[in-house]
């Protein structure tokens, strides 16, 4: 019975570790570049093929990312590992290029209300702003990734239609994105809804280059990952120790914890190429530095078992 169920799932998945950027960017206390460098190096050693390491945005808006150039200069790079950075504009792109980024990330929203409230322009206008960055990335032979926020729900408009997500996928595809993330920014997605959206966007972009970025605000992230596996999605984003809260739900968790995702994949017999034990160590390192317990249930259980 188990074999019949798992045969349809991907045999191998890519986990994109977003903790050093998406996970840490909203931390109030300044985290030194040396701590971020150590974290990225531990994650590299754990076996990730893709790590979102930094963000070249204005320090005025995201003070935590002010050390991004220092971090990118200090990490021990491993051949074949893609170190990604967020680039909202050409200034950010130029900084990313100078820092030796392997991939630049641009972003849009599937919700018109979210786009208007956050950046005072329509979805179409927001994507158009990235055209120059996309062209520059191609010119310099850098990987280009597009991320779509509010793909399953929006804090302002509520429901987001699957066709709206597909429209943004088309726009990012036409800019030349190598990979596109379907993100559940507020964590409201549920399994069948996630499958419906993924099945819709697969019609616009190759399934093997689509990724799921799920937040665990309502405890649905692992269920949504499994639901996505069932429709053939084989790239997932997660954050070591569950770093990164949800800005729209006070006290709620944000990114799904990498340790929990790896434990799921291990149980399904799906290959990741990543050492769960090494990720648990990285999660403990950064959690101790932040002075709080890791959010990861699997990580905490493994630590308790080690101590037992």
C-alpha atoms as a PDB file:
ATOM      1  CA  UNK A   1       0.000   0.000   0.000  1.00  0.00           C
ATOM      2  CA  UNK A   2       2.758   2.432   0.983  1.00  0.00           C
ATOM      3  CA  UNK A   3       4.729   1.748  -2.203  1.00  0.00           C
ATOM      4  CA  UNK A   4       1.680   2.377  -4.371  1.00  0.00           C
ATOM      5  CA  UNK A   5       1.155   5.720  -2.656  1.00  0.00           C
ATOM      6  CA  UNK A   6       4.756   6.907  -2.887  1.00  0.00           C
ATOM      7  CA  UNK A   7       5.405   5.814  -6.475  1.00  0.00           C
ATOM      8  CA  UNK A   8       3.562   8.861  -7.790  1.00  0.00           C
ATOM      9  CA  UNK A   9       5.625  11.278  -5.674  1.00  0.00           C
ATOM     10  CA  UNK A  10       8.899  12.814  -6.894  1.00  0.00           C
ATOM     11  CA  UNK A  11      11.885  10.621  -6.004  1.00  0.00           C
ATOM     12  CA  UNK A  12      14.089  13.621  -5.333  1.00  0.00           C
ATOM     13  CA  UNK A  13      13.350  17.171  -4.211  1.00  0.00           C
ATOM     14  CA  UNK A  14      15.362  20.369  -3.956  1.00  0.00           C
ATOM     15  CA  UNK A  15      15.046  22.252  -0.680  1.00  0.00           C
ATOM     16  CA  UNK A  16      15.866  25.960  -0.944  1.00  0.00           C
ATOM     17  CA  UNK A  17      17.057  27.164   2.478  1.00  0.00           C
ATOM     18  CA  UNK A  18      15.747  30.697   3.087  1.00  0.00           C
ATOM     19  CA  UNK A  19      16.638  31.149   6.772  1.00  0.00           C
ATOM     20  CA  UNK A  20      19.624  33.496   6.358  1.00  0.00           C
ATOM     21  CA  UNK A  21      17.522  35.966   4.343  1.00  0.00           C
ATOM     22  CA  UNK A  22      13.769  35.475   4.690  1.00  0.00           C
ATOM     23  CA  UNK A  23      14.150  34.024   8.164  1.00  0.00           C
ATOM     24  CA  UNK A  24      16.367  36.696   9.700  1.00  0.00           C
ATOM     25  CA  UNK A  25      15.251  39.863   7.899  1.00  0.00           C
ATOM     26  CA  UNK A  26      12.565  40.827  10.418  1.00  0.00           C
ATOM     27  CA  UNK A  27      14.618  40.200  13.571  1.00  0.00           C
ATOM     28  CA  UNK A  28      14.623  43.333  15.715  1.00  0.00           C
ATOM     29  CA  UNK A  29      18.066  42.865  17.312  1.00  0.00           C
ATOM     30  CA  UNK A  30      20.982  43.374  14.930  1.00  0.00           C
ATOM     31  CA  UNK A  31      22.671  40.097  14.038  1.00  0.00           C
ATOM     32  CA  UNK A  32      26.365  40.402  13.225  1.00  0.00           C
ATOM     33  CA  UNK A  33      27.695  39.434   9.821  1.00  0.00           C
ATOM     34  CA  UNK A  34      29.931  36.834  11.506  1.00  0.00           C
ATOM     35  CA  UNK A  35      26.868  34.998  12.866  1.00  0.00           C
ATOM     36  CA  UNK A  36      25.143  35.053   9.465  1.00  0.00           C
ATOM     37  CA  UNK A  37      28.320  33.836   7.762  1.00  0.00           C
ATOM     38  CA  UNK A  38      28.658  30.968  10.243  1.00  0.00           C
ATOM     39  CA  UNK A  39      25.003  30.027   9.668  1.00  0.00           C
ATOM     40  CA  UNK A  40      25.363  30.006   5.866  1.00  0.00           C
ATOM     41  CA  UNK A  41      28.562  27.945   6.162  1.00  0.00           C
ATOM     42  CA  UNK A  42      26.818  25.389   8.392  1.00  0.00           C
ATOM     43  CA  UNK A  43      23.961  25.154   5.882  1.00  0.00           C
ATOM     44  CA  UNK A  44      26.420  24.739   3.015  1.00  0.00           C
ATOM     45  CA  UNK A  45      28.050  21.916   4.952  1.00  0.00           C
ATOM     46  CA  UNK A  46      24.647  20.295   5.513  1.00  0.00           C
ATOM     47  CA  UNK A  47      24.324  19.732   1.769  1.00  0.00           C
ATOM     48  CA  UNK A  48      21.918  22.374   0.427  1.00  0.00           C
ATOM     49  CA  UNK A  49      22.138  22.996  -3.309  1.00  0.00           C
ATOM     50  CA  UNK A  50      20.508  26.432  -2.986  1.00  0.00           C
ATOM     51  CA  UNK A  51      20.733  28.915  -0.088  1.00  0.00           C
ATOM     52  CA  UNK A  52      19.027  32.302  -0.020  1.00  0.00           C
ATOM     53  CA  UNK A  53      21.877  34.119   1.660  1.00  0.00           C
ATOM     54  CA  UNK A  54      21.178  37.860   1.531  1.00  0.00           C
ATOM     55  CA  UNK A  55      19.082  40.741   0.279  1.00  0.00           C
ATOM     56  CA  UNK A  56      20.264  43.903  -1.428  1.00  0.00           C
ATOM     57  CA  UNK A  57      17.471  46.202  -0.365  1.00  0.00           C
ATOM     58  CA  UNK A  58      17.705  49.621   1.238  1.00  0.00           C
ATOM     59  CA  UNK A  59      18.946  49.300   4.858  1.00  0.00           C
ATOM     60  CA  UNK A  60      16.398  52.008   5.625  1.00  0.00           C
ATOM     61  CA  UNK A  61      13.598  49.499   4.946  1.00  0.00           C
ATOM     62  CA  UNK A  62      15.324  46.291   6.060  1.00  0.00           C
ATOM     63  CA  UNK A  63      18.126  47.194   8.519  1.00  0.00           C
ATOM     64  CA  UNK A  64      18.938  43.531   9.203  1.00  0.00           C
ATOM     65  CA  UNK A  65      20.160  43.103   5.618  1.00  0.00           C
ATOM     66  CA  UNK A  66      22.651  46.015   5.791  1.00  0.00           C
ATOM     67  CA  UNK A  67      25.546  43.522   6.128  1.00  0.00           C
ATOM     68  CA  UNK A  68      24.657  41.551   2.976  1.00  0.00           C
ATOM     69  CA  UNK A  69      27.823  42.468   1.042  1.00  0.00           C
ATOM     70  CA  UNK A  70      29.948  41.482   4.044  1.00  0.00           C
ATOM     71  CA  UNK A  71      28.097  38.180   4.369  1.00  0.00           C
ATOM     72  CA  UNK A  72      28.485  37.326   0.684  1.00  0.00           C
ATOM     73  CA  UNK A  73      32.216  38.160   0.866  1.00  0.00           C
ATOM     74  CA  UNK A  74      32.747  36.065   3.988  1.00  0.00           C
ATOM     75  CA  UNK A  75      30.946  32.786   3.261  1.00  0.00           C
ATOM     76  CA  UNK A  76      32.873  29.664   2.274  1.00  0.00           C
ATOM     77  CA  UNK A  77      31.370  28.815  -1.089  1.00  0.00           C
ATOM     78  CA  UNK A  78      31.018  25.269  -2.258  1.00  0.00           C
ATOM     79  CA  UNK A  79      31.174  24.569  -6.005  1.00  0.00           C
ATOM     80  CA  UNK A  80      27.747  23.781  -7.419  1.00  0.00           C
ATOM     81  CA  UNK A  81      25.831  25.518  -4.619  1.00  0.00           C
ATOM     82  CA  UNK A  82      23.604  28.414  -5.726  1.00  0.00           C
ATOM     83  CA  UNK A  83      23.753  31.408  -3.357  1.00  0.00           C
ATOM     84  CA  UNK A  84      20.680  33.566  -4.018  1.00  0.00           C
ATOM     85  CA  UNK A  85      19.980  37.202  -3.145  1.00  0.00           C
ATOM     86  CA  UNK A  86      16.854  39.342  -3.305  1.00  0.00           C
ATOM     87  CA  UNK A  87      17.168  42.300  -5.704  1.00  0.00           C
ATOM     88  CA  UNK A  88      14.270  44.790  -5.827  1.00  0.00           C
ATOM     89  CA  UNK A  89      15.867  47.163  -8.363  1.00  0.00           C
ATOM     90  CA  UNK A  90      18.968  47.833 -10.490  1.00  0.00           C
ATOM     91  CA  UNK A  91      20.879  49.260  -7.526  1.00  0.00           C
ATOM     92  CA  UNK A  92      20.259  45.986  -5.723  1.00  0.00           C
ATOM     93  CA  UNK A  93      21.185  44.004  -8.825  1.00  0.00           C
ATOM     94  CA  UNK A  94      24.502  45.831  -9.194  1.00  0.00           C
ATOM     95  CA  UNK A  95      25.310  45.128  -5.539  1.00  0.00           C
ATOM     96  CA  UNK A  96      24.375  41.466  -6.044  1.00  0.00           C
ATOM     97  CA  UNK A  97      26.604  41.250  -9.108  1.00  0.00           C
ATOM     98  CA  UNK A  98      29.523  42.804  -7.229  1.00  0.00           C
ATOM     99  CA  UNK A  99      28.948  40.361  -4.364  1.00  0.00           C
ATOM    100  CA  UNK A 100      29.140  37.355  -6.689  1.00  0.00           C
ATOM    101  CA  UNK A 101      25.549  36.150  -6.327  1.00  0.00           C
ATOM    102  CA  UNK A 102      24.638  33.071  -8.379  1.00  0.00           C
ATOM    103  CA  UNK A 103      20.940  33.876  -8.556  1.00  0.00           C
ATOM    104  CA  UNK A 104      18.857  37.025  -8.191  1.00  0.00           C
ATOM    105  CA  UNK A 105      15.292  36.975  -6.943  1.00  0.00           C
ATOM    106  CA  UNK A 106      12.518  39.322  -8.074  1.00  0.00           C
ATOM    107  CA  UNK A 107       9.012  39.325  -6.657  1.00  0.00           C
ATOM    108  CA  UNK A 108       5.401  40.192  -7.314  1.00  0.00           C
ATOM    109  CA  UNK A 109       2.028  39.522  -5.746  1.00  0.00           C
ATOM    110  CA  UNK A 110      -0.974  37.560  -6.976  1.00  0.00           C
ATOM    111  CA  UNK A 111      -3.206  40.014  -5.083  1.00  0.00           C
ATOM    112  CA  UNK A 112      -3.989  43.452  -6.530  1.00  0.00           C
ATOM    113  CA  UNK A 113      -4.935  44.722  -3.065  1.00  0.00           C
ATOM    114  CA  UNK A 114      -1.604  43.574  -1.608  1.00  0.00           C
ATOM    115  CA  UNK A 115       0.333  45.163  -4.475  1.00  0.00           C
ATOM    116  CA  UNK A 116      -1.486  48.481  -4.117  1.00  0.00           C
ATOM    117  CA  UNK A 117      -1.215  48.579  -0.315  1.00  0.00           C
ATOM    118  CA  UNK A 118       2.464  47.623  -0.211  1.00  0.00           C
ATOM    119  CA  UNK A 119       4.060  49.290  -3.227  1.00  0.00           C
ATOM    120  CA  UNK A 120       1.329  51.622  -4.513  1.00  0.00           C
ATOM    121  CA  UNK A 121       1.091  50.122  -7.979  1.00  0.00           C
ATOM    122  CA  UNK A 122      -0.701  47.383  -9.858  1.00  0.00           C
ATOM    123  CA  UNK A 123       0.637  43.847 -10.261  1.00  0.00           C
ATOM    124  CA  UNK A 124       1.381  44.532 -13.945  1.00  0.00           C
ATOM    125  CA  UNK A 125       3.318  47.708 -13.080  1.00  0.00           C
ATOM    126  CA  UNK A 126       5.268  45.955 -10.308  1.00  0.00           C
ATOM    127  CA  UNK A 127       6.401  43.166 -12.648  1.00  0.00           C
ATOM    128  CA  UNK A 128       7.300  45.675 -15.358  1.00  0.00           C
ATOM    129  CA  UNK A 129       9.651  47.393 -12.908  1.00  0.00           C
ATOM    130  CA  UNK A 130      11.741  44.221 -12.858  1.00  0.00           C
ATOM    131  CA  UNK A 131      12.235  44.073 -16.628  1.00  0.00           C
ATOM    132  CA  UNK A 132      15.597  45.845 -16.447  1.00  0.00           C
ATOM    133  CA  UNK A 133      16.793  43.589 -13.615  1.00  0.00           C
ATOM    134  CA  UNK A 134      15.683  40.494 -15.545  1.00  0.00           C
ATOM    135  CA  UNK A 135      17.497  41.617 -18.694  1.00  0.00           C
ATOM    136  CA  UNK A 136      20.651  42.382 -16.710  1.00  0.00           C
ATOM    137  CA  UNK A 137      20.536  38.957 -15.048  1.00  0.00           C
ATOM    138  CA  UNK A 138      20.338  37.251 -18.438  1.00  0.00           C
ATOM    139  CA  UNK A 139      23.108  39.449 -19.825  1.00  0.00           C
ATOM    140  CA  UNK A 140      25.404  38.448 -16.953  1.00  0.00           C
ATOM    141  CA  UNK A 141      24.312  34.794 -17.131  1.00  0.00           C
ATOM    142  CA  UNK A 142      22.871  34.763 -13.612  1.00  0.00           C
ATOM    143  CA  UNK A 143      19.944  32.581 -12.645  1.00  0.00           C
ATOM    144  CA  UNK A 144      16.705  34.527 -12.290  1.00  0.00           C
ATOM    145  CA  UNK A 145      14.005  33.474  -9.847  1.00  0.00           C
ATOM    146  CA  UNK A 146      10.569  34.999  -9.476  1.00  0.00           C
ATOM    147  CA  UNK A 147       8.523  34.836  -6.288  1.00  0.00           C
ATOM    148  CA  UNK A 148       4.742  35.324  -6.100  1.00  0.00           C
ATOM    149  CA  UNK A 149       3.360  36.364  -2.713  1.00  0.00           C
ATOM    150  CA  UNK A 150      -0.251  35.919  -1.577  1.00  0.00           C
ATOM    151  CA  UNK A 151      -0.826  33.012  -3.968  1.00  0.00           C
ATOM    152  CA  UNK A 152      -3.466  31.428  -1.730  1.00  0.00           C
ATOM    153  CA  UNK A 153      -4.904  34.370   0.175  1.00  0.00           C
ATOM    154  CA  UNK A 154      -4.357  38.029   0.982  1.00  0.00           C
ATOM    155  CA  UNK A 155      -4.640  39.948   4.278  1.00  0.00           C
ATOM    156  CA  UNK A 156      -6.529  42.734   2.448  1.00  0.00           C
ATOM    157  CA  UNK A 157      -8.704  41.110  -0.226  1.00  0.00           C
ATOM    158  CA  UNK A 158      -9.089  37.610   1.198  1.00  0.00           C
ATOM    159  CA  UNK A 159      -9.424  34.966  -1.505  1.00  0.00           C
ATOM    160  CA  UNK A 160      -7.010  35.030  -4.455  1.00  0.00           C
ATOM    161  CA  UNK A 161      -8.138  33.265  -7.627  1.00  0.00           C
ATOM    162  CA  UNK A 162      -5.927  30.590  -9.219  1.00  0.00           C
ATOM    163  CA  UNK A 163      -6.178  32.478 -12.539  1.00  0.00           C
ATOM    164  CA  UNK A 164      -4.640  35.535 -10.849  1.00  0.00           C
ATOM    165  CA  UNK A 165      -1.648  33.435  -9.776  1.00  0.00           C
ATOM    166  CA  UNK A 166      -1.373  31.982 -13.285  1.00  0.00           C
ATOM    167  CA  UNK A 167      -1.367  35.513 -14.736  1.00  0.00           C
ATOM    168  CA  UNK A 168       1.675  36.473 -12.626  1.00  0.00           C
ATOM    169  CA  UNK A 169       3.373  33.183 -13.517  1.00  0.00           C
ATOM    170  CA  UNK A 170       2.958  34.100 -17.202  1.00  0.00           C
ATOM    171  CA  UNK A 171       4.432  37.562 -16.620  1.00  0.00           C
ATOM    172  CA  UNK A 172       7.449  36.204 -14.719  1.00  0.00           C
ATOM    173  CA  UNK A 173       7.906  33.471 -17.329  1.00  0.00           C
ATOM    174  CA  UNK A 174       7.953  36.107 -20.059  1.00  0.00           C
ATOM    175  CA  UNK A 175      10.664  38.017 -18.147  1.00  0.00           C
ATOM    176  CA  UNK A 176      12.806  34.892 -18.413  1.00  0.00           C
ATOM    177  CA  UNK A 177      12.583  33.450 -14.882  1.00  0.00           C
ATOM    178  CA  UNK A 178      14.351  30.113 -14.493  1.00  0.00           C
ATOM    179  CA  UNK A 179      12.289  29.198 -11.439  1.00  0.00           C
ATOM    180  CA  UNK A 180       9.046  30.576  -9.984  1.00  0.00           C
ATOM    181  CA  UNK A 181       7.939  30.329  -6.340  1.00  0.00           C
ATOM    182  CA  UNK A 182       4.262  30.024  -5.431  1.00  0.00           C
ATOM    183  CA  UNK A 183       4.184  31.515  -1.926  1.00  0.00           C
ATOM    184  CA  UNK A 184       1.581  31.305   0.816  1.00  0.00           C
ATOM    185  CA  UNK A 185       2.508  34.573   2.517  1.00  0.00           C
ATOM    186  CA  UNK A 186      -0.112  34.393   5.275  1.00  0.00           C
ATOM    187  CA  UNK A 187      -0.270  30.618   5.557  1.00  0.00           C
ATOM    188  CA  UNK A 188      -3.983  30.224   4.775  1.00  0.00           C
ATOM    189  CA  UNK A 189      -3.617  27.584   2.057  1.00  0.00           C
ATOM    190  CA  UNK A 190      -5.077  24.118   2.618  1.00  0.00           C
ATOM    191  CA  UNK A 191      -4.265  20.904   0.767  1.00  0.00           C
ATOM    192  CA  UNK A 192      -6.985  20.779  -1.912  1.00  0.00           C
ATOM    193  CA  UNK A 193      -6.772  24.528  -2.546  1.00  0.00           C
ATOM    194  CA  UNK A 194      -2.995  24.255  -2.937  1.00  0.00           C
ATOM    195  CA  UNK A 195      -3.386  21.413  -5.419  1.00  0.00           C
ATOM    196  CA  UNK A 196      -5.920  23.397  -7.460  1.00  0.00           C
ATOM    197  CA  UNK A 197      -3.583  26.404  -7.687  1.00  0.00           C
ATOM    198  CA  UNK A 198      -0.545  24.264  -8.514  1.00  0.00           C
ATOM    199  CA  UNK A 199      -2.461  22.346 -11.198  1.00  0.00           C
ATOM    200  CA  UNK A 200      -3.507  25.667 -12.729  1.00  0.00           C
ATOM    201  CA  UNK A 201       0.007  27.179 -12.836  1.00  0.00           C
ATOM    202  CA  UNK A 202       1.565  23.977 -14.197  1.00  0.00           C
ATOM    203  CA  UNK A 203      -0.285  24.836 -17.424  1.00  0.00           C
ATOM    204  CA  UNK A 204       1.811  28.024 -17.716  1.00  0.00           C
ATOM    205  CA  UNK A 205       5.277  26.924 -16.558  1.00  0.00           C
ATOM    206  CA  UNK A 206       7.243  23.629 -16.362  1.00  0.00           C
ATOM    207  CA  UNK A 207       6.352  21.725 -13.190  1.00  0.00           C
ATOM    208  CA  UNK A 208       9.999  20.910 -12.490  1.00  0.00           C
ATOM    209  CA  UNK A 209      10.814  24.640 -12.230  1.00  0.00           C
ATOM    210  CA  UNK A 210       7.933  25.621  -9.938  1.00  0.00           C
ATOM    211  CA  UNK A 211       8.424  25.720  -6.174  1.00  0.00           C
ATOM    212  CA  UNK A 212       6.210  25.821  -3.105  1.00  0.00           C
ATOM    213  CA  UNK A 213       6.921  28.375  -0.362  1.00  0.00           C
ATOM    214  CA  UNK A 214       4.562  27.616   2.510  1.00  0.00           C
ATOM    215  CA  UNK A 215       4.115  29.395   5.822  1.00  0.00           C
ATOM    216  CA  UNK A 216       2.933  27.473   8.846  1.00  0.00           C
ATOM    217  CA  UNK A 217       0.716  30.167  10.356  1.00  0.00           C
ATOM    218  CA  UNK A 218      -2.268  27.794  10.650  1.00  0.00           C
ATOM    219  CA  UNK A 219      -0.211  24.608  10.913  1.00  0.00           C
ATOM    220  CA  UNK A 220      -0.881  23.564   7.302  1.00  0.00           C
ATOM    221  CA  UNK A 221       2.582  23.838   5.715  1.00  0.00           C
ATOM    222  CA  UNK A 222       3.562  20.151   5.787  1.00  0.00           C
ATOM    223  CA  UNK A 223       0.113  19.092   4.552  1.00  0.00           C
ATOM    224  CA  UNK A 224       0.436  21.626   1.727  1.00  0.00           C
ATOM    225  CA  UNK A 225       3.898  20.332   0.830  1.00  0.00           C
ATOM    226  CA  UNK A 226       2.564  16.777   0.667  1.00  0.00           C
ATOM    227  CA  UNK A 227      -0.367  17.947  -1.459  1.00  0.00           C
ATOM    228  CA  UNK A 228       2.104  19.678  -3.804  1.00  0.00           C
ATOM    229  CA  UNK A 229       4.262  16.541  -4.019  1.00  0.00           C
ATOM    230  CA  UNK A 230       1.156  14.679  -5.197  1.00  0.00           C
ATOM    231  CA  UNK A 231       0.866  16.996  -8.226  1.00  0.00           C
ATOM    232  CA  UNK A 232       4.580  16.770  -9.041  1.00  0.00           C
ATOM    233  CA  UNK A 233       6.123  19.874  -7.409  1.00  0.00           C
ATOM    234  CA  UNK A 234       9.704  18.987  -6.453  1.00  0.00           C
ATOM    235  CA  UNK A 235      11.185  22.270  -5.124  1.00  0.00           C
ATOM    236  CA  UNK A 236      10.333  23.633  -1.670  1.00  0.00           C
ATOM    237  CA  UNK A 237      11.464  26.580   0.416  1.00  0.00           C
ATOM    238  CA  UNK A 238      11.994  26.245   4.148  1.00  0.00           C
ATOM    239  CA  UNK A 239      13.773  28.009   6.961  1.00  0.00           C
ATOM    240  CA  UNK A 240      16.166  26.448   9.463  1.00  0.00           C
ATOM    241  CA  UNK A 241      14.684  26.387  12.998  1.00  0.00           C
ATOM    242  CA  UNK A 242      11.485  27.871  11.538  1.00  0.00           C
ATOM    243  CA  UNK A 243      13.106  31.332  11.448  1.00  0.00           C
ATOM    244  CA  UNK A 244      10.856  34.160  10.313  1.00  0.00           C
ATOM    245  CA  UNK A 245       7.528  35.117  11.791  1.00  0.00           C
ATOM    246  CA  UNK A 246       4.423  36.070   9.884  1.00  0.00           C
ATOM    247  CA  UNK A 247       3.991  39.866   9.830  1.00  0.00           C
ATOM    248  CA  UNK A 248       0.208  39.596   9.336  1.00  0.00           C
ATOM    249  CA  UNK A 249      -0.669  37.310  12.231  1.00  0.00           C
ATOM    250  CA  UNK A 250       0.697  38.392  15.578  1.00  0.00           C
ATOM    251  CA  UNK A 251       2.675  35.686  17.330  1.00  0.00           C
ATOM    252  CA  UNK A 252       2.200  33.227  14.480  1.00  0.00           C
ATOM    253  CA  UNK A 253       4.963  31.199  12.944  1.00  0.00           C
ATOM    254  CA  UNK A 254       6.000  32.030   9.432  1.00  0.00           C
ATOM    255  CA  UNK A 255       8.264  29.863   7.298  1.00  0.00           C
ATOM    256  CA  UNK A 256       7.955  26.121   7.655  1.00  0.00           C
ATOM    257  CA  UNK A 257      10.971  24.683   9.509  1.00  0.00           C
ATOM    258  CA  UNK A 258      13.560  22.944   7.341  1.00  0.00           C
ATOM    259  CA  UNK A 259      14.038  20.188   9.938  1.00  0.00           C
ATOM    260  CA  UNK A 260      10.319  19.324   9.749  1.00  0.00           C
ATOM    261  CA  UNK A 261      10.375  19.236   5.941  1.00  0.00           C
ATOM    262  CA  UNK A 262      13.465  17.004   5.926  1.00  0.00           C
ATOM    263  CA  UNK A 263      11.871  14.648   8.453  1.00  0.00           C
ATOM    264  CA  UNK A 264       8.816  14.390   6.185  1.00  0.00           C
ATOM    265  CA  UNK A 265      10.952  13.697   3.101  1.00  0.00           C
ATOM    266  CA  UNK A 266      12.996  11.115   4.989  1.00  0.00           C
ATOM    267  CA  UNK A 267       9.804   9.320   5.993  1.00  0.00           C
ATOM    268  CA  UNK A 268       8.576   9.317   2.392  1.00  0.00           C
ATOM    269  CA  UNK A 269      11.892   7.954   1.106  1.00  0.00           C
ATOM    270  CA  UNK A 270      12.433  11.077  -0.994  1.00  0.00           C
ATOM    271  CA  UNK A 271      16.046  12.050  -1.597  1.00  0.00           C
ATOM    272  CA  UNK A 272      17.179  15.577  -0.623  1.00  0.00           C
ATOM    273  CA  UNK A 273      20.966  15.254  -0.382  1.00  0.00           C
ATOM    274  CA  UNK A 274      20.795  17.126   2.947  1.00  0.00           C
ATOM    275  CA  UNK A 275      21.889  15.930   6.396  1.00  0.00           C
ATOM    276  CA  UNK A 276      19.023  16.377   8.867  1.00  0.00           C
ATOM    277  CA  UNK A 277      21.429  16.149  11.821  1.00  0.00           C
ATOM    278  CA  UNK A 278      23.609  18.931  10.390  1.00  0.00           C
ATOM    279  CA  UNK A 279      20.529  21.142   9.878  1.00  0.00           C
ATOM    280  CA  UNK A 280      19.436  20.484  13.467  1.00  0.00           C
ATOM    281  CA  UNK A 281      22.909  21.669  14.579  1.00  0.00           C
ATOM    282  CA  UNK A 282      22.552  24.837  12.479  1.00  0.00           C
ATOM    283  CA  UNK A 283      19.087  25.416  13.925  1.00  0.00           C
ATOM    284  CA  UNK A 284      20.385  25.084  17.466  1.00  0.00           C
ATOM    285  CA  UNK A 285      23.286  27.443  16.711  1.00  0.00           C
ATOM    286  CA  UNK A 286      21.120  30.293  15.421  1.00  0.00           C
ATOM    287  CA  UNK A 287      18.365  29.737  18.027  1.00  0.00           C
ATOM    288  CA  UNK A 288      20.890  29.936  20.857  1.00  0.00           C
ATOM    289  CA  UNK A 289      22.269  33.134  19.366  1.00  0.00           C
ATOM    290  CA  UNK A 290      18.749  34.603  19.188  1.00  0.00           C
ATOM    291  CA  UNK A 291      18.064  33.491  22.736  1.00  0.00           C
ATOM    292  CA  UNK A 292      14.989  31.406  22.044  1.00  0.00           C
ATOM    293  CA  UNK A 293      13.953  27.861  21.293  1.00  0.00           C
ATOM    294  CA  UNK A 294      13.786  26.708  17.683  1.00  0.00           C
ATOM    295  CA  UNK A 295      10.257  26.522  16.250  1.00  0.00           C
ATOM    296  CA  UNK A 296      11.009  23.205  14.531  1.00  0.00           C
ATOM    297  CA  UNK A 297       9.199  20.298  16.168  1.00  0.00           C
ATOM    298  CA  UNK A 298      11.402  17.669  14.522  1.00  0.00           C
ATOM    299  CA  UNK A 299      14.538  19.628  15.412  1.00  0.00           C
ATOM    300  CA  UNK A 300      13.518  19.973  19.060  1.00  0.00           C
ATOM    301  CA  UNK A 301      12.536  16.296  19.263  1.00  0.00           C
ATOM    302  CA  UNK A 302      15.912  15.223  17.864  1.00  0.00           C
ATOM    303  CA  UNK A 303      17.746  17.498  20.332  1.00  0.00           C
ATOM    304  CA  UNK A 304      15.713  16.047  23.222  1.00  0.00           C
ATOM    305  CA  UNK A 305      16.470  12.505  22.010  1.00  0.00           C
ATOM    306  CA  UNK A 306      20.193  13.311  21.825  1.00  0.00           C
ATOM    307  CA  UNK A 307      20.111  14.594  25.400  1.00  0.00           C
ATOM    308  CA  UNK A 308      18.039  11.650  26.621  1.00  0.00           C
END
